[in-house]
C-alpha atoms as a PDB file:
ATOM      1  CA  MET A   1    -116.023-142.000-157.500  1.00  0.00           C
ATOM      2  CA  SER A   2    -113.375-143.734-155.794  1.00  0.00           C
ATOM      3  CA  ALA A   3    -110.564-144.865-157.123  1.00  0.00           C
ATOM      4  CA  PRO A   4    -110.635-149.146-158.641  1.00  0.00           C
ATOM      5  CA  LYS A   5    -108.926-151.352-156.247  1.00  0.00           C
ATOM      6  CA  LEU A   6    -105.331-152.690-156.748  1.00  0.00           C
ATOM      7  CA  LYS A   7    -105.007-156.184-158.457  1.00  0.00           C
ATOM      8  CA  VAL A   8    -103.533-157.830-155.945  1.00  0.00           C
ATOM      9  CA  VAL A   9    -102.553-161.625-156.822  1.00  0.00           C
ATOM     10  CA  LEU A  10    -101.052-164.067-154.342  1.00  0.00           C
ATOM     11  CA  THR A  11     -98.821-166.657-155.337  1.00  0.00           C
ATOM     12  CA  ARG A  12     -99.464-169.175-152.191  1.00  0.00           C
ATOM     13  CA  ARG A  13    -102.153-169.199-149.207  1.00  0.00           C
ATOM     14  CA  LEU A  14    -101.860-167.339-146.387  1.00  0.00           C
ATOM     15  CA  PRO A  15    -103.852-167.313-143.080  1.00  0.00           C
ATOM     16  CA  ASP A  16    -106.884-166.407-143.542  1.00  0.00           C
ATOM     17  CA  ALA A  17    -107.401-163.441-141.927  1.00  0.00           C
ATOM     18  CA  VAL A  18    -105.119-161.789-143.823  1.00  0.00           C
ATOM     19  CA  GLU A  19    -106.342-163.410-147.263  1.00  0.00           C
ATOM     20  CA  THR A  20    -110.263-161.883-145.923  1.00  0.00           C
ATOM     21  CA  ARG A  21    -108.321-158.798-145.312  1.00  0.00           C
ATOM     22  CA  MET A  22    -107.004-158.180-148.178  1.00  0.00           C
ATOM     23  CA  ARG A  23    -109.835-159.040-150.079  1.00  0.00           C
ATOM     24  CA  GLU A  24    -111.894-156.276-148.298  1.00  0.00           C
ATOM     25  CA  LEU A  25    -109.105-153.889-149.256  1.00  0.00           C
ATOM     26  CA  PHE A  26    -107.792-154.845-152.503  1.00  0.00           C
ATOM     27  CA  ASP A  27    -109.089-156.854-155.766  1.00  0.00           C
ATOM     28  CA  THR A  28    -107.146-159.841-154.567  1.00  0.00           C
ATOM     29  CA  GLU A  29    -106.346-163.018-156.463  1.00  0.00           C
ATOM     30  CA  LEU A  30    -106.156-165.832-154.532  1.00  0.00           C
ATOM     31  CA  ASN A  31    -104.176-169.282-154.905  1.00  0.00           C
ATOM     32  CA  LEU A  32    -106.503-171.771-152.787  1.00  0.00           C
ATOM     33  CA  THR A  33    -104.693-174.593-154.234  1.00  0.00           C
ATOM     34  CA  ASP A  34    -101.259-173.280-152.109  1.00  0.00           C
ATOM     35  CA  ARG A  35     -98.989-175.461-154.951  1.00  0.00           C
ATOM     36  CA  PRO A  36     -96.250-173.326-155.908  1.00  0.00           C
ATOM     37  CA  MET A  37     -96.732-171.223-158.909  1.00  0.00           C
ATOM     38  CA  ASP A  38     -94.972-172.523-162.031  1.00  0.00           C
ATOM     39  CA  ARG A  39     -93.283-170.326-164.889  1.00  0.00           C
ATOM     40  CA  ALA A  40     -96.040-170.073-166.720  1.00  0.00           C
ATOM     41  CA  ALA A  41     -98.305-169.032-164.123  1.00  0.00           C
ATOM     42  CA  LEU A  42     -96.085-166.426-162.595  1.00  0.00           C
ATOM     43  CA  GLU A  43     -95.600-164.687-165.812  1.00  0.00           C
ATOM     44  CA  ALA A  44     -98.976-164.755-166.118  1.00  0.00           C
ATOM     45  CA  ALA A  45     -99.322-163.025-163.315  1.00  0.00           C
ATOM     46  CA  VAL A  46     -97.103-159.957-163.657  1.00  0.00           C
ATOM     47  CA  GLN A  47     -99.301-159.645-166.641  1.00  0.00           C
ATOM     48  CA  ARG A  48    -102.145-158.730-164.524  1.00  0.00           C
ATOM     49  CA  ALA A  49    -101.693-157.941-161.359  1.00  0.00           C
ATOM     50  CA  ASP A  50    -100.681-154.335-159.985  1.00  0.00           C
ATOM     51  CA  VAL A  51     -99.160-156.276-157.026  1.00  0.00           C
ATOM     52  CA  LEU A  52     -97.678-159.174-156.849  1.00  0.00           C
ATOM     53  CA  VAL A  53     -97.149-161.008-153.380  1.00  0.00           C
ATOM     54  CA  PRO A  54     -94.612-163.601-153.483  1.00  0.00           C
ATOM     55  CA  THR A  55     -92.611-166.041-151.220  1.00  0.00           C
ATOM     56  CA  ILE A  56     -89.375-167.538-151.022  1.00  0.00           C
ATOM     57  CA  THR A  57     -91.061-170.104-153.291  1.00  0.00           C
ATOM     58  CA  ASP A  58     -91.275-168.290-156.559  1.00  0.00           C
ATOM     59  CA  THR A  59     -87.980-166.997-158.390  1.00  0.00           C
ATOM     60  CA  ILE A  60     -88.935-163.599-159.261  1.00  0.00           C
ATOM     61  CA  ASP A  61     -85.486-162.723-161.867  1.00  0.00           C
ATOM     62  CA  ALA A  62     -85.093-160.255-164.472  1.00  0.00           C
ATOM     63  CA  ASN A  63     -86.605-162.445-167.818  1.00  0.00           C
ATOM     64  CA  LEU A  64     -89.753-162.417-165.375  1.00  0.00           C
ATOM     65  CA  LEU A  65     -89.914-159.210-164.499  1.00  0.00           C
ATOM     66  CA  SER A  66     -89.148-158.098-168.428  1.00  0.00           C
ATOM     67  CA  GLY A  67     -92.318-159.903-168.995  1.00  0.00           C
ATOM     68  CA  ALA A  68     -94.624-157.891-167.085  1.00  0.00           C
ATOM     69  CA  GLY A  69     -97.130-155.560-168.052  1.00  0.00           C
ATOM     70  CA  GLU A  70     -97.141-152.221-167.597  1.00  0.00           C
ATOM     71  CA  GLN A  71     -99.413-152.335-165.019  1.00  0.00           C
ATOM     72  CA  LEU A  72     -97.578-153.697-162.437  1.00  0.00           C
ATOM     73  CA  LYS A  73     -95.784-151.529-159.837  1.00  0.00           C
ATOM     74  CA  MET A  74     -95.085-153.348-156.504  1.00  0.00           C
ATOM     75  CA  ILE A  75     -93.554-156.552-155.383  1.00  0.00           C
ATOM     76  CA  ALA A  76     -94.796-156.983-151.882  1.00  0.00           C
ATOM     77  CA  SER A  77     -93.054-159.937-150.583  1.00  0.00           C
ATOM     78  CA  PHE A  78     -93.962-162.348-148.156  1.00  0.00           C
ATOM     79  CA  GLY A  79     -91.046-163.353-145.978  1.00  0.00           C
ATOM     80  CA  ALA A  80     -87.626-161.584-144.500  1.00  0.00           C
ATOM     81  CA  GLY A  81     -85.287-162.929-147.406  1.00  0.00           C
ATOM     82  CA  VAL A  82     -85.332-161.416-150.882  1.00  0.00           C
ATOM     83  CA  ASP A  83     -82.815-163.437-152.466  1.00  0.00           C
ATOM     84  CA  HIS A  84     -85.743-164.938-154.794  1.00  0.00           C
ATOM     85  CA  ILE A  85     -86.422-161.232-156.155  1.00  0.00           C
ATOM     86  CA  ASP A  86     -83.863-159.772-159.051  1.00  0.00           C
ATOM     87  CA  ILE A  87     -83.837-156.360-156.476  1.00  0.00           C
ATOM     88  CA  ASP A  88     -82.191-154.909-159.603  1.00  0.00           C
ATOM     89  CA  ALA A  89     -84.184-155.995-162.253  1.00  0.00           C
ATOM     90  CA  ALA A  90     -87.115-154.961-160.334  1.00  0.00           C
ATOM     91  CA  VAL A  91     -86.101-151.466-159.588  1.00  0.00           C
ATOM     92  CA  GLY A  92     -84.622-150.613-162.822  1.00  0.00           C
ATOM     93  CA  ARG A  93     -88.051-151.328-163.950  1.00  0.00           C
ATOM     94  CA  GLY A  94     -89.398-148.403-161.363  1.00  0.00           C
ATOM     95  CA  LEU A  95     -91.294-151.178-159.474  1.00  0.00           C
ATOM     96  CA  ILE A  96     -91.344-151.068-155.506  1.00  0.00           C
ATOM     97  CA  VAL A  97     -90.063-154.182-153.631  1.00  0.00           C
ATOM     98  CA  THR A  98     -90.918-155.002-150.002  1.00  0.00           C
ATOM     99  CA  ASN A  99     -90.515-157.580-147.094  1.00  0.00           C
ATOM    100  CA  THR A 100     -91.313-158.432-143.852  1.00  0.00           C
ATOM    101  CA  PRO A 101     -88.430-158.012-141.445  1.00  0.00           C
ATOM    102  CA  GLY A 102     -88.464-158.044-137.628  1.00  0.00           C
ATOM    103  CA  VAL A 103     -91.664-160.246-137.065  1.00  0.00           C
ATOM    104  CA  LEU A 104     -89.846-163.670-137.324  1.00  0.00           C
ATOM    105  CA  THR A 105     -86.673-162.553-135.635  1.00  0.00           C
ATOM    106  CA  GLU A 106     -87.635-164.262-132.190  1.00  0.00           C
ATOM    107  CA  ASP A 107     -89.603-167.125-133.103  1.00  0.00           C
ATOM    108  CA  THR A 108     -86.363-167.880-135.891  1.00  0.00           C
ATOM    109  CA  ALA A 109     -83.945-167.339-133.046  1.00  0.00           C
ATOM    110  CA  ASP A 110     -86.002-169.777-130.967  1.00  0.00           C
ATOM    111  CA  LEU A 111     -85.881-172.217-133.180  1.00  0.00           C
ATOM    112  CA  ALA A 112     -82.100-172.066-133.786  1.00  0.00           C
ATOM    113  CA  MET A 113     -81.673-172.235-129.423  1.00  0.00           C
ATOM    114  CA  GLY A 114     -83.916-175.058-130.204  1.00  0.00           C
ATOM    115  CA  LEU A 115     -81.203-177.035-132.848  1.00  0.00           C
ATOM    116  CA  ILE A 116     -78.437-176.188-130.673  1.00  0.00           C
ATOM    117  CA  LEU A 117     -79.951-177.830-127.863  1.00  0.00           C
ATOM    118  CA  ALA A 118     -81.196-180.884-129.857  1.00  0.00           C
ATOM    119  CA  ALA A 119     -77.746-181.394-131.902  1.00  0.00           C
ATOM    120  CA  SER A 120     -75.902-180.910-128.437  1.00  0.00           C
ATOM    121  CA  ARG A 121     -78.226-183.511-126.126  1.00  0.00           C
ATOM    122  CA  ARG A 122     -79.425-185.666-128.738  1.00  0.00           C
ATOM    123  CA  ILE A 123     -82.945-184.895-128.218  1.00  0.00           C
ATOM    124  CA  VAL A 124     -83.977-185.988-131.432  1.00  0.00           C
ATOM    125  CA  GLU A 125     -81.374-189.196-131.274  1.00  0.00           C
ATOM    126  CA  GLY A 126     -83.090-189.824-127.862  1.00  0.00           C
ATOM    127  CA  ALA A 127     -86.880-189.607-128.742  1.00  0.00           C
ATOM    128  CA  GLN A 128     -86.486-191.895-131.615  1.00  0.00           C
ATOM    129  CA  VAL A 129     -85.099-194.777-129.208  1.00  0.00           C
ATOM    130  CA  VAL A 130     -88.563-194.470-127.134  1.00  0.00           C
ATOM    131  CA  ALA A 131     -90.669-193.647-130.364  1.00  0.00           C
ATOM    132  CA  ASP A 132     -88.984-196.950-131.362  1.00  0.00           C
ATOM    133  CA  GLY A 133     -89.616-199.008-128.264  1.00  0.00           C
ATOM    134  CA  LYS A 134     -85.782-199.360-127.282  1.00  0.00           C
ATOM    135  CA  PHE A 135     -85.199-197.392-124.511  1.00  0.00           C
ATOM    136  CA  GLU A 136     -84.327-199.886-121.821  1.00  0.00           C
ATOM    137  CA  GLY A 137     -83.732-197.943-118.821  1.00  0.00           C
ATOM    138  CA  TRP A 138     -81.207-195.559-117.559  1.00  0.00           C
ATOM    139  CA  THR A 139     -77.507-195.970-117.860  1.00  0.00           C
ATOM    140  CA  PRO A 140     -74.073-194.191-116.717  1.00  0.00           C
ATOM    141  CA  THR A 141     -72.913-193.384-120.129  1.00  0.00           C
ATOM    142  CA  TRP A 142     -75.343-193.993-122.316  1.00  0.00           C
ATOM    143  CA  MET A 143     -76.945-191.429-125.043  1.00  0.00           C
ATOM    144  CA  CYS A 144     -73.940-188.590-123.669  1.00  0.00           C
ATOM    145  CA  GLY A 145     -74.180-185.535-125.383  1.00  0.00           C
ATOM    146  CA  ARG A 146     -73.008-182.016-124.325  1.00  0.00           C
ATOM    147  CA  LYS A 147     -73.488-179.506-121.786  1.00  0.00           C
ATOM    148  CA  LEU A 148     -74.111-175.982-123.116  1.00  0.00           C
ATOM    149  CA  TRP A 149     -72.804-174.336-119.996  1.00  0.00           C
ATOM    150  CA  GLY A 150     -69.440-172.822-120.984  1.00  0.00           C
ATOM    151  CA  LYS A 151     -69.649-173.636-124.385  1.00  0.00           C
ATOM    152  CA  ARG A 152     -68.578-170.938-127.396  1.00  0.00           C
ATOM    153  CA  LEU A 153     -70.810-169.679-129.639  1.00  0.00           C
ATOM    154  CA  GLY A 154     -70.060-168.242-132.634  1.00  0.00           C
ATOM    155  CA  ILE A 155     -72.836-166.390-135.039  1.00  0.00           C
ATOM    156  CA  ILE A 156     -72.029-165.490-138.226  1.00  0.00           C
ATOM    157  CA  GLY A 157     -74.363-162.815-139.158  1.00  0.00           C
ATOM    158  CA  MET A 158     -75.156-160.610-135.963  1.00  0.00           C
ATOM    159  CA  GLY A 159     -78.438-158.603-137.138  1.00  0.00           C
ATOM    160  CA  ARG A 160     -81.909-158.655-135.576  1.00  0.00           C
ATOM    161  CA  ILE A 161     -81.895-162.730-135.715  1.00  0.00           C
ATOM    162  CA  GLY A 162     -78.108-162.912-134.811  1.00  0.00           C
ATOM    163  CA  GLN A 163     -78.485-160.590-131.608  1.00  0.00           C
ATOM    164  CA  ALA A 164     -81.556-162.025-130.874  1.00  0.00           C
ATOM    165  CA  LEU A 165     -79.797-165.608-130.668  1.00  0.00           C
ATOM    166  CA  ALA A 166     -77.053-164.293-128.131  1.00  0.00           C
ATOM    167  CA  ARG A 167     -79.608-163.027-125.892  1.00  0.00           C
ATOM    168  CA  ARG A 168     -81.073-166.655-125.316  1.00  0.00           C
ATOM    169  CA  ALA A 169     -77.539-167.895-125.631  1.00  0.00           C
ATOM    170  CA  ARG A 170     -76.460-166.075-122.453  1.00  0.00           C
ATOM    171  CA  ALA A 171     -78.832-166.958-120.697  1.00  0.00           C
ATOM    172  CA  PHE A 172     -77.425-170.691-121.021  1.00  0.00           C
ATOM    173  CA  GLY A 173     -73.764-169.853-120.259  1.00  0.00           C
ATOM    174  CA  ILE A 174     -72.719-169.295-123.231  1.00  0.00           C
ATOM    175  CA  GLN A 175     -70.166-167.570-124.539  1.00  0.00           C
ATOM    176  CA  VAL A 176     -70.949-165.638-127.651  1.00  0.00           C
ATOM    177  CA  HIS A 177     -68.855-164.487-129.871  1.00  0.00           C
ATOM    178  CA  TYR A 178     -69.578-163.251-133.704  1.00  0.00           C
ATOM    179  CA  HIS A 179     -68.437-162.309-137.393  1.00  0.00           C
ATOM    180  CA  ASN A 180     -70.306-159.625-139.124  1.00  0.00           C
ATOM    181  CA  ARG A 181     -69.843-156.925-141.844  1.00  0.00           C
ATOM    182  CA  LYS A 182     -68.688-154.574-139.474  1.00  0.00           C
ATOM    183  CA  ALA A 183     -68.589-154.740-135.975  1.00  0.00           C
ATOM    184  CA  VAL A 184     -71.923-154.083-133.343  1.00  0.00           C
ATOM    185  CA  SER A 185     -72.307-150.632-131.521  1.00  0.00           C
ATOM    186  CA  PRO A 186     -69.960-151.104-127.876  1.00  0.00           C
ATOM    187  CA  LEU A 187     -73.502-150.812-126.334  1.00  0.00           C
ATOM    188  CA  ILE A 188     -74.930-153.560-128.205  1.00  0.00           C
ATOM    189  CA  ALA A 189     -71.667-155.480-127.433  1.00  0.00           C
ATOM    190  CA  GLU A 190     -71.665-154.859-124.292  1.00  0.00           C
ATOM    191  CA  ASP A 191     -75.086-155.889-123.732  1.00  0.00           C
ATOM    192  CA  LEU A 192     -74.656-159.104-125.083  1.00  0.00           C
ATOM    193  CA  GLY A 193     -71.192-159.828-123.787  1.00  0.00           C
ATOM    194  CA  ALA A 194     -70.383-160.856-127.687  1.00  0.00           C
ATOM    195  CA  THR A 195     -66.677-160.558-129.123  1.00  0.00           C
ATOM    196  CA  TYR A 196     -66.194-159.759-132.746  1.00  0.00           C
ATOM    197  CA  TRP A 197     -64.211-161.563-135.094  1.00  0.00           C
ATOM    198  CA  ASP A 198     -63.158-159.755-138.406  1.00  0.00           C
ATOM    199  CA  ASP A 199     -61.661-163.074-139.532  1.00  0.00           C
ATOM    200  CA  LEU A 200     -64.694-165.296-139.716  1.00  0.00           C
ATOM    201  CA  ASP A 201     -61.488-168.404-140.705  1.00  0.00           C
ATOM    202  CA  GLN A 202     -59.983-167.218-136.951  1.00  0.00           C
ATOM    203  CA  MET A 203     -63.247-167.255-134.894  1.00  0.00           C
ATOM    204  CA  LEU A 204     -64.560-170.869-136.918  1.00  0.00           C
ATOM    205  CA  ALA A 205     -61.438-172.783-135.701  1.00  0.00           C
ATOM    206  CA  ARG A 206     -62.180-171.576-131.789  1.00  0.00           C
ATOM    207  CA  MET A 207     -65.627-172.315-131.139  1.00  0.00           C
ATOM    208  CA  ASP A 208     -67.570-174.842-130.240  1.00  0.00           C
ATOM    209  CA  ILE A 209     -71.126-173.872-131.505  1.00  0.00           C
ATOM    210  CA  ILE A 210     -71.370-172.192-135.056  1.00  0.00           C
ATOM    211  CA  SER A 211     -74.445-170.284-136.267  1.00  0.00           C
ATOM    212  CA  LEU A 212     -75.339-169.068-139.561  1.00  0.00           C
ATOM    213  CA  ASN A 213     -77.929-165.934-139.386  1.00  0.00           C
ATOM    214  CA  CYS A 214     -76.868-163.675-142.399  1.00  0.00           C
ATOM    215  CA  PRO A 215     -78.707-163.134-145.753  1.00  0.00           C
ATOM    216  CA  ALA A 216     -78.259-165.077-148.948  1.00  0.00           C
ATOM    217  CA  THR A 217     -76.022-162.583-151.246  1.00  0.00           C
ATOM    218  CA  ARG A 218     -73.401-163.307-154.099  1.00  0.00           C
ATOM    219  CA  ASP A 219     -70.651-162.620-151.333  1.00  0.00           C
ATOM    220  CA  THR A 220     -72.305-165.356-148.679  1.00  0.00           C
ATOM    221  CA  HIS A 221     -72.883-167.822-151.898  1.00  0.00           C
ATOM    222  CA  HIS A 222     -70.707-171.129-149.758  1.00  0.00           C
ATOM    223  CA  LEU A 223     -69.783-169.166-147.356  1.00  0.00           C
ATOM    224  CA  LEU A 224     -68.905-172.228-145.228  1.00  0.00           C
ATOM    225  CA  SER A 225     -66.981-173.850-148.107  1.00  0.00           C
ATOM    226  CA  ALA A 226     -65.059-177.314-147.805  1.00  0.00           C
ATOM    227  CA  GLU A 227     -62.380-175.485-146.708  1.00  0.00           C
ATOM    228  CA  ARG A 228     -63.879-173.493-143.983  1.00  0.00           C
ATOM    229  CA  LEU A 229     -66.113-176.169-143.117  1.00  0.00           C
ATOM    230  CA  ALA A 230     -62.154-178.143-142.617  1.00  0.00           C
ATOM    231  CA  ARG A 231     -61.325-175.441-140.099  1.00  0.00           C
ATOM    232  CA  LEU A 232     -64.392-176.756-137.478  1.00  0.00           C
ATOM    233  CA  GLN A 233     -63.379-178.743-134.367  1.00  0.00           C
ATOM    234  CA  PRO A 234     -63.976-182.555-134.181  1.00  0.00           C
ATOM    235  CA  HIS A 235     -66.443-181.435-131.545  1.00  0.00           C
ATOM    236  CA  ALA A 236     -68.126-178.643-132.912  1.00  0.00           C
ATOM    237  CA  ILE A 237     -71.794-178.457-133.635  1.00  0.00           C
ATOM    238  CA  LEU A 238     -73.242-176.624-136.658  1.00  0.00           C
ATOM    239  CA  ILE A 239     -76.782-174.746-136.676  1.00  0.00           C
ATOM    240  CA  ASN A 240     -78.267-173.061-140.362  1.00  0.00           C
ATOM    241  CA  THR A 241     -81.561-171.405-139.349  1.00  0.00           C
ATOM    242  CA  ALA A 242     -80.620-168.633-142.843  1.00  0.00           C
ATOM    243  CA  ARG A 243     -80.738-169.709-146.375  1.00  0.00           C
ATOM    244  CA  GLY A 244     -79.121-173.348-147.167  1.00  0.00           C
ATOM    245  CA  GLU A 245     -77.223-171.576-150.034  1.00  0.00           C
ATOM    246  CA  LEU A 246     -74.496-170.353-146.970  1.00  0.00           C
ATOM    247  CA  ILE A 247     -73.270-173.832-146.682  1.00  0.00           C
ATOM    248  CA  ASP A 248     -71.603-176.143-149.222  1.00  0.00           C
ATOM    249  CA  GLU A 249     -73.605-179.288-148.774  1.00  0.00           C
ATOM    250  CA  ALA A 250     -71.831-181.986-150.703  1.00  0.00           C
ATOM    251  CA  ALA A 251     -68.782-180.488-148.805  1.00  0.00           C
ATOM    252  CA  LEU A 252     -70.666-180.797-145.391  1.00  0.00           C
ATOM    253  CA  ALA A 253     -72.152-184.593-145.786  1.00  0.00           C
ATOM    254  CA  GLU A 254     -68.576-185.431-146.430  1.00  0.00           C
ATOM    255  CA  ALA A 255     -67.870-184.326-143.455  1.00  0.00           C
ATOM    256  CA  VAL A 256     -70.471-185.806-141.543  1.00  0.00           C
ATOM    257  CA  SER A 257     -69.655-188.948-143.223  1.00  0.00           C
ATOM    258  CA  GLN A 258     -66.049-188.686-142.193  1.00  0.00           C
ATOM    259  CA  ARG A 259     -66.948-187.800-138.600  1.00  0.00           C
ATOM    260  CA  ARG A 260     -64.963-184.779-138.795  1.00  0.00           C
ATOM    261  CA  ILE A 261     -67.911-182.507-137.123  1.00  0.00           C
ATOM    262  CA  ALA A 262     -69.952-183.663-134.171  1.00  0.00           C
ATOM    263  CA  GLY A 263     -73.631-182.210-134.868  1.00  0.00           C
ATOM    264  CA  VAL A 264     -75.355-180.109-137.139  1.00  0.00           C
ATOM    265  CA  GLY A 265     -78.945-178.769-137.379  1.00  0.00           C
ATOM    266  CA  LEU A 266     -80.569-177.612-140.270  1.00  0.00           C
ATOM    267  CA  ASP A 267     -83.756-175.581-141.196  1.00  0.00           C
ATOM    268  CA  VAL A 268     -82.884-174.720-144.682  1.00  0.00           C
ATOM    269  CA  TYR A 269     -81.117-176.580-147.857  1.00  0.00           C
ATOM    270  CA  GLU A 270     -78.997-175.347-150.493  1.00  0.00           C
ATOM    271  CA  ASN A 271     -81.720-177.051-153.048  1.00  0.00           C
ATOM    272  CA  GLU A 272     -84.942-176.652-151.005  1.00  0.00           C
ATOM    273  CA  PRO A 273     -87.085-179.030-150.823  1.00  0.00           C
ATOM    274  CA  ALA A 274     -84.276-181.523-152.222  1.00  0.00           C
ATOM    275  CA  ILE A 275     -81.583-182.903-148.993  1.00  0.00           C
ATOM    276  CA  HIS A 276     -78.350-184.106-149.740  1.00  0.00           C
ATOM    277  CA  PRO A 277     -78.884-187.680-149.626  1.00  0.00           C
ATOM    278  CA  GLY A 278     -75.156-187.534-147.668  1.00  0.00           C
ATOM    279  CA  LEU A 279     -77.152-185.412-144.730  1.00  0.00           C
ATOM    280  CA  LEU A 280     -79.829-188.221-144.072  1.00  0.00           C
ATOM    281  CA  GLY A 281     -79.603-191.199-141.486  1.00  0.00           C
ATOM    282  CA  HIS A 282     -77.093-189.616-139.274  1.00  0.00           C
ATOM    283  CA  ALA A 283     -78.038-189.975-136.095  1.00  0.00           C
ATOM    284  CA  ASN A 284     -76.185-186.813-135.385  1.00  0.00           C
ATOM    285  CA  VAL A 285     -77.936-184.483-138.065  1.00  0.00           C
ATOM    286  CA  VAL A 286     -80.931-183.279-137.050  1.00  0.00           C
ATOM    287  CA  LEU A 287     -83.188-181.881-140.025  1.00  0.00           C
ATOM    288  CA  LEU A 288     -86.372-179.726-139.887  1.00  0.00           C
ATOM    289  CA  PRO A 289     -88.334-178.967-142.548  1.00  0.00           C
ATOM    290  CA  HIS A 290     -88.212-175.032-142.755  1.00  0.00           C
ATOM    291  CA  LEU A 291     -89.827-174.045-139.136  1.00  0.00           C
ATOM    292  CA  GLY A 292     -87.577-171.071-138.708  1.00  0.00           C
ATOM    293  CA  SER A 293     -91.204-168.818-138.749  1.00  0.00           C
ATOM    294  CA  ALA A 294     -93.760-171.551-138.784  1.00  0.00           C
ATOM    295  CA  THR A 295     -95.590-169.534-135.925  1.00  0.00           C
ATOM    296  CA  LEU A 296     -99.432-168.924-136.056  1.00  0.00           C
ATOM    297  CA  GLU A 297     -98.165-165.534-134.505  1.00  0.00           C
ATOM    298  CA  ALA A 298     -95.748-164.755-137.242  1.00  0.00           C
ATOM    299  CA  ARG A 299     -97.461-166.090-139.856  1.00  0.00           C
ATOM    300  CA  GLN A 300     -99.881-163.422-138.873  1.00  0.00           C
ATOM    301  CA  ASP A 301     -97.664-160.758-138.359  1.00  0.00           C
ATOM    302  CA  MET A 302     -95.999-161.055-141.908  1.00  0.00           C
ATOM    303  CA  GLY A 303     -99.396-160.702-143.343  1.00  0.00           C
ATOM    304  CA  ASP A 304    -100.112-157.556-141.667  1.00  0.00           C
ATOM    305  CA  ARG A 305     -96.450-156.508-142.835  1.00  0.00           C
ATOM    306  CA  VAL A 306     -97.496-156.628-146.610  1.00  0.00           C
ATOM    307  CA  ILE A 307    -101.194-155.568-146.063  1.00  0.00           C
ATOM    308  CA  ALA A 308     -99.368-152.211-144.564  1.00  0.00           C
ATOM    309  CA  ASN A 309     -96.565-151.777-147.641  1.00  0.00           C
ATOM    310  CA  ILE A 310     -99.337-151.762-149.728  1.00  0.00           C
ATOM    311  CA  MET A 311    -101.881-149.364-148.226  1.00  0.00           C
ATOM    312  CA  THR A 312     -99.093-147.083-148.053  1.00  0.00           C
ATOM    313  CA  PHE A 313     -98.061-147.625-151.442  1.00  0.00           C
ATOM    314  CA  GLN A 314    -102.010-147.158-152.542  1.00  0.00           C
ATOM    315  CA  ASN A 315    -101.608-144.304-150.356  1.00  0.00           C
ATOM    316  CA  GLY A 316     -98.930-142.070-151.799  1.00  0.00           C
ATOM    317  CA  HIS A 317     -96.237-142.653-149.335  1.00  0.00           C
ATOM    318  CA  ARG A 318     -92.925-144.557-149.016  1.00  0.00           C
ATOM    319  CA  PRO A 319     -93.509-148.274-147.893  1.00  0.00           C
ATOM    320  CA  PRO A 320     -91.994-148.231-144.249  1.00  0.00           C
ATOM    321  CA  ASP A 321     -90.616-151.881-145.238  1.00  0.00           C
ATOM    322  CA  ARG A 322     -89.144-151.188-149.087  1.00  0.00           C
ATOM    323  CA  VAL A 323     -86.098-153.053-150.185  1.00  0.00           C
ATOM    324  CA  ILE A 324     -83.542-151.356-151.990  1.00  0.00           C
ATOM    325  CA  PRO A 325     -79.984-152.810-153.992  1.00  0.00           C
ATOM    326  CA  ALA A 326     -77.556-151.331-151.606  1.00  0.00           C
ATOM    327  CA  MET A 327     -79.593-153.088-148.906  1.00  0.00           C
ATOM    328  CA  PHE A 328     -78.429-156.678-150.047  1.00  0.00           C
END
């Protein structure tokens, strides 16, 4: 007789092909409404699941895990970030935690480059003019943005996504600079033509464009504080496709209102889905609804990685995307 299937609880809707394959392989419970589980629903889920498959909309903290049933053995998160999970608490209870790194690298880098283009060339603002029927023809001085060729881009976080963005930026003739916990290898730096800054404040004061591509941790919360935002040059553009908590949103709203920054492109927010009202209604602020990994290919690949992690665990092996506290 074969072993009973693992009880897998999904907290959100996943692509149909992923859900179907999960139903074939596991005793899978779907969330057909696709509404985020409230606290009571999550508490009930960890009481009955062998494997919980949460997303970034779920807070998996120590209190939740303290009430989990003894049968819970794994948290297989659908997404690369794990700042919504208390990794220390999970590992302390003997749980395996996995994520889906790598599969959304190119998609997120594409979006970051798109935001750089949109903010620099006033693309969204221009499209709105046409949509509103206000385009009255070309003039030499109207709707002038900034060219990208020759500008300096400061990347904060030179991991997979940061490096993918650097490759795109080089194709546009942009000079790549970066700040990281440590310098990348000389081979990678040479390939990307990237200049390393160990002092973030020094880099911020010299860049035309800043892009946030680092994880959210205790150390990076409000990494761009009011003090650091004040170091940006008035013509600078700030891009964030990583995590909203990296920026003091109230301080950024003040900088925008005082015209101390030329442009902003955000895909993530500090209190998502709420957006600081001071960021709304500005022509030089491009706001997107968390689209970084929103391609059909990326979402399918993320689901496949979740399945691979669960299957590997079920077969008694170490999952390929296991997260341990030292990683974050």
